[in-house]
Protein backbone atom coordinates (compact mmCIF):
# COMPACT_ATOMS: atom_id res chain seq x y z
CA MET A 1 -117.21 -53.78 -15.88
CA ASN A 2 -116.84 -55.92 -19.00
CA GLU A 3 -114.20 -55.77 -21.74
CA ALA A 4 -116.56 -53.74 -24.01
CA ASP A 5 -117.01 -51.08 -21.37
CA LEU A 6 -113.32 -50.74 -20.83
CA VAL A 7 -112.68 -50.32 -24.52
CA ALA A 8 -115.18 -47.68 -24.89
CA GLY A 9 -114.65 -44.05 -24.10
CA HIS A 10 -111.24 -42.75 -22.85
CA GLY A 11 -108.15 -44.30 -21.72
CA GLY A 12 -106.77 -43.71 -18.12
CA ARG A 13 -109.17 -45.81 -16.41
CA ILE A 14 -106.61 -47.69 -14.12
CA ASP A 15 -109.11 -48.21 -11.44
CA ALA A 16 -111.44 -50.16 -13.72
CA MET A 17 -108.45 -51.94 -15.52
CA SER A 18 -107.40 -53.11 -12.04
CA ARG A 19 -110.70 -54.68 -11.24
CA ALA A 20 -110.89 -56.36 -14.58
CA PHE A 21 -107.28 -57.87 -14.21
CA PRO A 22 -106.92 -58.32 -10.40
CA GLN A 23 -103.78 -60.70 -10.96
CA ALA A 24 -101.74 -58.01 -12.87
CA PRO A 25 -98.48 -56.92 -11.19
CA LEU A 26 -98.48 -53.62 -9.52
CA PRO A 27 -98.00 -50.69 -9.99
CA TRP A 28 -99.81 -50.40 -13.30
CA LEU A 29 -97.91 -48.78 -16.19
CA ASP A 30 -100.66 -46.51 -17.77
CA LEU A 31 -99.71 -45.93 -21.57
CA SER A 32 -103.49 -45.51 -22.47
CA THR A 33 -103.46 -41.75 -22.55
CA GLY A 34 -101.53 -39.17 -24.62
CA ILE A 35 -100.75 -37.23 -21.36
CA ASN A 36 -96.99 -36.42 -20.91
CA PRO A 37 -95.46 -38.59 -18.24
CA LEU A 38 -92.78 -36.06 -17.64
CA ALA A 39 -95.05 -33.54 -16.17
CA TYR A 40 -94.13 -29.81 -15.57
CA PRO A 41 -92.83 -29.36 -12.01
CA PHE A 42 -95.93 -28.51 -9.96
CA PRO A 43 -95.32 -24.85 -8.90
CA ASP A 44 -95.46 -23.54 -5.27
CA LEU A 45 -98.73 -21.37 -5.51
CA PRO A 46 -99.66 -18.50 -3.26
CA GLN A 47 -102.09 -19.60 -0.51
CA ASP A 48 -104.73 -16.97 -1.79
CA VAL A 49 -105.26 -18.88 -4.98
CA TRP A 50 -106.56 -21.54 -2.86
CA THR A 51 -108.63 -19.47 -0.32
CA ARG A 52 -110.18 -16.64 -2.55
CA LEU A 53 -112.43 -16.72 -5.59
CA PRO A 54 -110.48 -16.48 -8.81
CA THR A 55 -109.87 -12.86 -9.68
CA ALA A 56 -110.22 -11.04 -12.90
CA ALA A 57 -106.46 -10.23 -12.70
CA LEU A 58 -105.47 -13.89 -12.20
CA ARG A 59 -107.65 -14.95 -15.19
CA GLN A 60 -105.92 -12.11 -17.27
CA SER A 61 -102.46 -13.17 -16.17
CA CYS A 62 -103.12 -16.80 -17.44
CA GLU A 63 -104.73 -15.75 -20.63
CA ALA A 64 -101.85 -13.33 -21.39
CA ALA A 65 -99.37 -16.11 -20.85
CA MET A 66 -101.47 -18.39 -23.04
CA ALA A 67 -101.68 -15.84 -25.90
CA THR A 68 -97.82 -15.32 -25.70
CA ALA A 69 -97.05 -19.07 -25.82
CA PHE A 70 -99.67 -19.52 -28.61
CA ALA A 71 -98.49 -16.39 -30.59
CA CYS A 72 -102.17 -15.13 -30.81
CA ASN A 73 -104.22 -12.14 -30.33
CA PRO A 74 -104.90 -11.92 -26.49
CA ALA A 75 -108.42 -10.66 -27.38
CA ALA A 76 -109.11 -14.03 -28.91
CA CYS A 77 -108.21 -16.23 -26.23
CA ARG A 78 -110.19 -17.46 -23.26
CA ALA A 79 -109.17 -19.95 -20.56
CA VAL A 80 -111.58 -22.69 -19.85
CA ALA A 81 -111.73 -25.69 -17.25
CA GLY A 82 -110.42 -28.11 -19.91
CA THR A 83 -111.28 -28.18 -23.65
CA GLU A 84 -113.73 -31.19 -22.84
CA LEU A 85 -116.10 -28.80 -21.35
CA ALA A 86 -115.80 -26.63 -24.49
CA ILE A 87 -116.52 -29.48 -26.78
CA ARG A 88 -119.73 -30.24 -25.00
CA HIS A 89 -120.97 -26.67 -25.30
CA LEU A 90 -120.11 -26.17 -28.94
CA PRO A 91 -123.29 -27.61 -30.35
CA ALA A 92 -125.58 -25.12 -28.25
CA LEU A 93 -123.30 -22.26 -29.04
CA LEU A 94 -122.91 -22.89 -32.86
CA GLY A 95 -126.06 -24.50 -33.63
CA SER A 96 -124.56 -26.18 -36.66
CA ARG A 97 -126.90 -28.98 -38.15
CA THR A 98 -124.33 -30.83 -40.40
CA VAL A 99 -120.90 -31.31 -39.04
CA ALA A 100 -118.01 -33.14 -40.73
CA VAL A 101 -115.27 -34.90 -38.70
CA ARG A 102 -112.52 -37.20 -39.34
CA ALA A 103 -112.52 -40.92 -38.53
CA PRO A 104 -110.64 -42.21 -36.83
CA SER A 105 -110.19 -39.22 -34.40
CA TYR A 106 -111.12 -38.00 -30.95
CA ALA A 107 -114.42 -39.50 -30.53
CA ASP A 108 -116.03 -36.93 -28.17
CA HIS A 109 -116.35 -34.51 -31.00
CA ALA A 110 -118.73 -36.56 -32.98
CA ALA A 111 -120.54 -37.84 -29.90
CA SER A 112 -121.16 -34.37 -28.88
CA TRP A 113 -122.74 -33.09 -32.03
CA ARG A 114 -124.69 -36.46 -32.42
CA LYS A 115 -126.13 -35.80 -28.94
CA ALA A 116 -127.32 -32.28 -29.89
CA GLY A 117 -128.99 -33.87 -33.03
CA ALA A 118 -126.79 -32.67 -35.73
CA ARG A 119 -126.07 -34.93 -38.88
CA VAL A 120 -122.56 -36.05 -38.55
CA LEU A 121 -120.48 -36.91 -41.60
CA THR A 122 -117.33 -39.12 -40.90
CA MET A 123 -114.63 -39.11 -43.63
CA THR A 124 -110.91 -39.57 -43.94
CA ASP A 125 -110.59 -35.82 -44.75
CA PRO A 126 -113.37 -33.48 -43.49
CA LEU A 127 -111.85 -30.51 -45.33
CA THR A 128 -113.32 -31.92 -48.43
CA ALA A 129 -116.83 -31.34 -47.00
CA THR A 130 -116.51 -27.46 -46.59
CA GLY A 131 -119.22 -26.85 -49.42
CA GLU A 132 -121.70 -29.04 -47.52
CA ALA A 133 -121.14 -29.00 -43.85
CA ASP A 134 -122.16 -26.05 -41.46
CA ALA A 135 -118.97 -27.05 -39.33
CA VAL A 136 -115.94 -28.98 -39.77
CA VAL A 137 -113.85 -30.44 -37.11
CA VAL A 138 -110.26 -31.62 -37.19
CA VAL A 139 -107.82 -32.50 -34.58
CA ASN A 140 -104.46 -31.32 -35.70
CA PRO A 141 -102.10 -33.37 -35.43
CA ASN A 142 -105.00 -36.06 -35.42
CA ASN A 143 -105.58 -38.35 -32.42
CA PRO A 144 -104.86 -41.34 -32.58
CA ASP A 145 -103.08 -41.47 -36.03
CA GLY A 146 -101.08 -38.27 -35.87
CA HIS A 147 -102.27 -37.16 -39.45
CA PRO A 148 -101.43 -33.43 -39.76
CA TRP A 149 -102.94 -30.51 -41.85
CA SER A 150 -100.95 -27.52 -42.88
CA VAL A 151 -101.86 -24.02 -41.87
CA GLY A 152 -102.64 -23.20 -45.38
CA GLN A 153 -105.00 -26.07 -45.98
CA LEU A 154 -106.85 -25.04 -42.73
CA ASP A 155 -107.10 -21.36 -43.49
CA ALA A 156 -108.41 -22.11 -47.05
CA ALA A 157 -111.14 -24.34 -45.38
CA ARG A 158 -111.87 -21.62 -42.85
CA CYS A 159 -112.36 -18.97 -45.62
CA GLU A 160 -114.83 -21.17 -47.52
CA LEU A 161 -116.78 -22.15 -44.34
CA ALA A 162 -116.79 -18.55 -43.08
CA GLY A 163 -118.11 -17.35 -46.50
CA ARG A 164 -121.25 -19.62 -45.89
CA GLY A 165 -121.60 -18.59 -42.23
CA GLY A 166 -119.99 -21.74 -40.99
CA TRP A 167 -117.23 -22.73 -38.78
CA LEU A 168 -113.83 -24.58 -38.74
CA ILE A 169 -113.00 -26.11 -35.39
CA VAL A 170 -109.45 -27.13 -34.81
CA ASP A 171 -108.50 -29.13 -31.77
CA GLU A 172 -104.78 -28.55 -31.13
CA ALA A 173 -104.57 -30.77 -28.20
CA TYR A 174 -100.91 -31.86 -29.33
CA ALA A 175 -99.96 -28.54 -31.06
CA GLU A 176 -97.33 -27.83 -28.38
CA LEU A 177 -95.31 -30.63 -29.84
CA ASP A 178 -94.87 -28.66 -33.21
CA PRO A 179 -96.18 -25.05 -32.95
CA ALA A 180 -95.28 -24.27 -36.42
CA ARG A 181 -98.52 -26.39 -37.52
CA SER A 182 -100.80 -24.35 -35.25
CA VAL A 183 -103.36 -22.03 -36.66
CA ALA A 184 -103.45 -19.99 -33.37
CA GLY A 185 -101.84 -17.14 -35.21
CA LEU A 186 -105.09 -16.86 -37.03
CA ALA A 187 -107.25 -16.70 -33.85
CA GLY A 188 -109.83 -14.14 -34.12
CA ALA A 189 -110.54 -14.59 -37.77
CA GLY A 190 -114.10 -15.17 -38.96
CA GLY A 191 -115.29 -18.74 -38.86
CA LEU A 192 -112.38 -20.16 -36.85
CA LEU A 193 -112.48 -21.73 -33.42
CA VAL A 194 -109.34 -23.39 -31.91
CA LEU A 195 -109.23 -25.51 -28.82
CA ARG A 196 -105.94 -25.79 -26.89
CA SER A 197 -105.25 -28.41 -24.03
CA PHE A 198 -102.98 -27.72 -21.06
CA GLY A 199 -102.90 -31.15 -19.51
CA LYS A 200 -101.55 -33.14 -22.59
CA PHE A 201 -98.22 -31.39 -23.10
CA PHE A 202 -97.41 -30.07 -19.56
CA GLY A 203 -98.76 -33.49 -18.04
CA LEU A 204 -101.03 -31.90 -15.58
CA ALA A 205 -104.29 -33.23 -16.58
CA GLY A 206 -105.93 -33.19 -13.25
CA ILE A 207 -105.79 -29.44 -13.22
CA ARG A 208 -108.50 -29.17 -15.85
CA LEU A 209 -107.37 -26.17 -17.97
CA GLY A 210 -107.58 -25.27 -21.68
CA ALA A 211 -108.18 -22.56 -23.93
CA VAL A 212 -110.65 -21.46 -26.84
CA LEU A 213 -109.35 -19.25 -29.24
CA ALA A 214 -111.97 -17.49 -31.47
CA PRO A 215 -113.61 -14.11 -32.29
CA PRO A 216 -114.29 -11.85 -29.16
CA GLU A 217 -117.95 -11.94 -29.85
CA PHE A 218 -118.02 -15.77 -29.75
CA LEU A 219 -115.86 -15.54 -26.60
CA GLN A 220 -118.38 -13.30 -24.92
CA ARG A 221 -121.16 -15.76 -25.48
CA LEU A 222 -119.01 -18.53 -24.03
CA HIS A 223 -118.08 -16.56 -21.17
CA GLU A 224 -122.01 -15.75 -20.44
CA MET A 225 -122.65 -19.43 -20.54
CA LEU A 226 -119.71 -20.51 -18.28
CA GLY A 227 -119.80 -17.57 -15.90
CA GLU A 228 -116.83 -15.87 -14.08
CA TRP A 229 -115.44 -18.72 -12.17
CA ASP A 230 -115.49 -21.76 -14.30
CA VAL A 231 -111.63 -21.98 -14.05
CA SER A 232 -110.21 -22.64 -10.50
CA GLY A 233 -107.74 -20.18 -9.10
CA PRO A 234 -104.92 -22.78 -8.71
CA ALA A 235 -105.46 -23.81 -12.37
CA LEU A 236 -105.18 -20.24 -13.52
CA ALA A 237 -102.08 -19.68 -11.46
CA ALA A 238 -100.45 -23.00 -12.45
CA GLY A 239 -101.39 -22.21 -16.15
CA ALA A 240 -99.75 -18.59 -15.90
CA ARG A 241 -96.59 -20.19 -14.74
CA ALA A 242 -96.19 -23.02 -17.05
CA TYR A 243 -97.12 -20.96 -20.19
CA ALA A 244 -94.55 -18.41 -19.38
CA ASP A 245 -91.82 -21.08 -19.03
CA ALA A 246 -90.63 -21.02 -22.52
CA GLY A 247 -87.27 -22.66 -21.65
CA TRP A 248 -88.97 -25.69 -20.21
CA GLN A 249 -91.37 -26.03 -23.18
CA GLU A 250 -88.31 -26.01 -25.66
CA ASP A 251 -86.46 -28.43 -23.60
CA MET A 252 -89.48 -30.88 -23.29
CA ARG A 253 -90.03 -30.84 -27.01
CA ARG A 254 -86.50 -32.14 -27.49
CA ARG A 255 -86.77 -34.72 -24.76
CA LEU A 256 -90.14 -36.00 -26.04
CA ALA A 257 -88.81 -36.53 -29.46
CA ASP A 258 -86.00 -38.56 -28.04
CA GLU A 259 -88.54 -40.68 -25.96
CA ALA A 260 -90.60 -41.22 -28.91
CA ARG A 261 -87.71 -42.50 -31.01
CA ASP A 262 -86.80 -45.02 -28.31
CA LEU A 263 -90.60 -45.98 -27.93
CA VAL A 264 -90.76 -46.59 -31.70
CA ALA A 265 -87.46 -48.76 -31.58
CA VAL A 266 -89.06 -50.96 -29.10
CA LEU A 267 -92.43 -51.32 -30.93
CA ARG A 268 -90.69 -52.10 -34.24
CA GLY A 269 -88.42 -54.58 -32.42
CA ALA A 270 -91.31 -56.43 -31.03
CA GLY A 271 -92.71 -56.82 -34.71
CA LEU A 272 -95.36 -54.13 -34.37
CA ASP A 273 -96.15 -51.89 -37.35
CA ASP A 274 -95.73 -48.46 -36.24
CA ILE A 275 -97.93 -46.33 -38.76
CA GLY A 276 -98.26 -42.91 -37.08
CA GLY A 277 -98.82 -40.93 -33.88
CA THR A 278 -97.13 -37.82 -32.31
CA ASP A 279 -94.14 -37.59 -29.76
CA LEU A 280 -96.66 -38.37 -27.05
CA PHE A 281 -98.10 -41.59 -28.38
CA ARG A 282 -97.76 -44.10 -31.31
CA TYR A 283 -100.48 -45.74 -33.32
CA VAL A 284 -99.76 -49.32 -34.20
CA ARG A 285 -101.17 -52.02 -36.44
CA VAL A 286 -101.21 -55.47 -35.07
CA GLY A 287 -102.60 -58.79 -35.91
CA SER A 288 -105.02 -58.81 -33.15
CA ALA A 289 -105.60 -55.81 -31.05
CA PRO A 290 -107.77 -57.63 -28.46
CA ALA A 291 -105.23 -60.29 -27.84
CA LEU A 292 -102.23 -57.82 -27.39
CA TRP A 293 -104.25 -55.43 -25.41
CA ARG A 294 -105.14 -58.49 -23.04
CA GLN A 295 -101.66 -59.70 -22.99
CA LEU A 296 -100.20 -56.26 -21.81
CA ALA A 297 -103.22 -55.77 -19.32
CA GLU A 298 -102.32 -59.33 -17.85
CA ARG A 299 -98.79 -57.69 -17.00
CA GLY A 300 -100.20 -54.51 -15.56
CA ILE A 301 -99.75 -52.34 -18.73
CA ALA A 302 -102.68 -50.38 -20.14
CA VAL A 303 -102.81 -49.24 -23.67
CA ARG A 304 -105.53 -47.65 -25.79
CA ARG A 305 -107.77 -50.05 -27.61
CA PHE A 306 -110.53 -48.94 -29.85
CA ALA A 307 -114.23 -50.18 -30.20
CA LYS A 308 -114.92 -52.06 -33.40
CA ASP A 309 -111.18 -52.04 -34.42
CA ALA A 310 -109.44 -55.37 -34.38
CA HIS A 311 -106.07 -54.15 -35.67
CA HIS A 312 -104.96 -50.92 -34.06
CA LEU A 313 -103.70 -49.82 -30.63
CA ARG A 314 -102.51 -46.52 -29.37
CA ILE A 315 -99.56 -46.66 -27.13
CA GLY A 316 -98.38 -43.77 -24.81
CA LEU A 317 -94.76 -42.82 -23.74
CA PRO A 318 -93.48 -44.91 -20.72
CA GLY A 319 -91.60 -41.89 -19.40
CA SER A 320 -88.54 -43.70 -17.85
CA ALA A 321 -85.91 -46.35 -19.10
CA ALA A 322 -87.23 -48.86 -16.49
CA ALA A 323 -91.03 -48.36 -17.97
CA LEU A 324 -89.76 -48.76 -21.56
CA ASP A 325 -88.02 -52.06 -20.53
CA ARG A 326 -91.01 -53.24 -18.96
CA LEU A 327 -92.98 -52.65 -22.10
CA ALA A 328 -90.44 -54.30 -24.11
CA GLU A 329 -90.45 -57.29 -21.92
CA ALA A 330 -94.14 -57.69 -21.93
CA LEU A 331 -94.29 -57.37 -25.74
């Protein structure tokens, strides 16, 4: 795999990085994702969630815990096997022909709509396109720069789009960090579709769990497309346990804020320009993103670099004092 292939797509490909930089010291320090390195303690799950097909009761338990955690209408919440799956199905379900997205942002949104043949408008603030687009997509807070929109701004855009039969799609992959900014409380309103990720905040990305919040009639169409057993029993059981653990979530928000402050101090101390991000990753401006990316990779540290962007990197939380010291030394 060449360097261009490593830069394209997602972070987290440590196997490919290891092949590209075979002399790098082990173990690799993966700072290329926005996944919490301080993961929720993996629950001891009942044996039957592994040996039986997922039951309706198990799904309902997980979705009820999700709805409570999101402070949303339970009838407007459906668990899915990761929001990536939902992103790929949205073009077929909505049929929108002109879609506005932010740039830079999570690239899979624009890619999925382009693959479906939609006209994709990329702009700094896609909310300004509510009079033209059939659907508007925002990641709130935005990945990779952390740009936020207020609930009021988003609801005003939703109202305008819904009045034209359009949709506002809000990807809240990092909403657990600041629930006050979430539009989940509006779930079920016309023209609003919200995506919530489990793996980012809880740090259990391999479980493949997320939620779609939308009007019940849309969720019924999604259910018919995905089927009864799209989410595994272990994922539903783990999600039910984690989403109900409000104490862990509150403690983790405080801890991540502290970890992010320490990371920012290291980045600024190394002369990097910290220009945004969230408490799970920072977005920095540098003189040469390719050069710094390689410098870190040669020391066994993976950070997120972006295709056709020579001056920005995204750097995730190291997760421990030793890992933070390793990053500081490499910088």
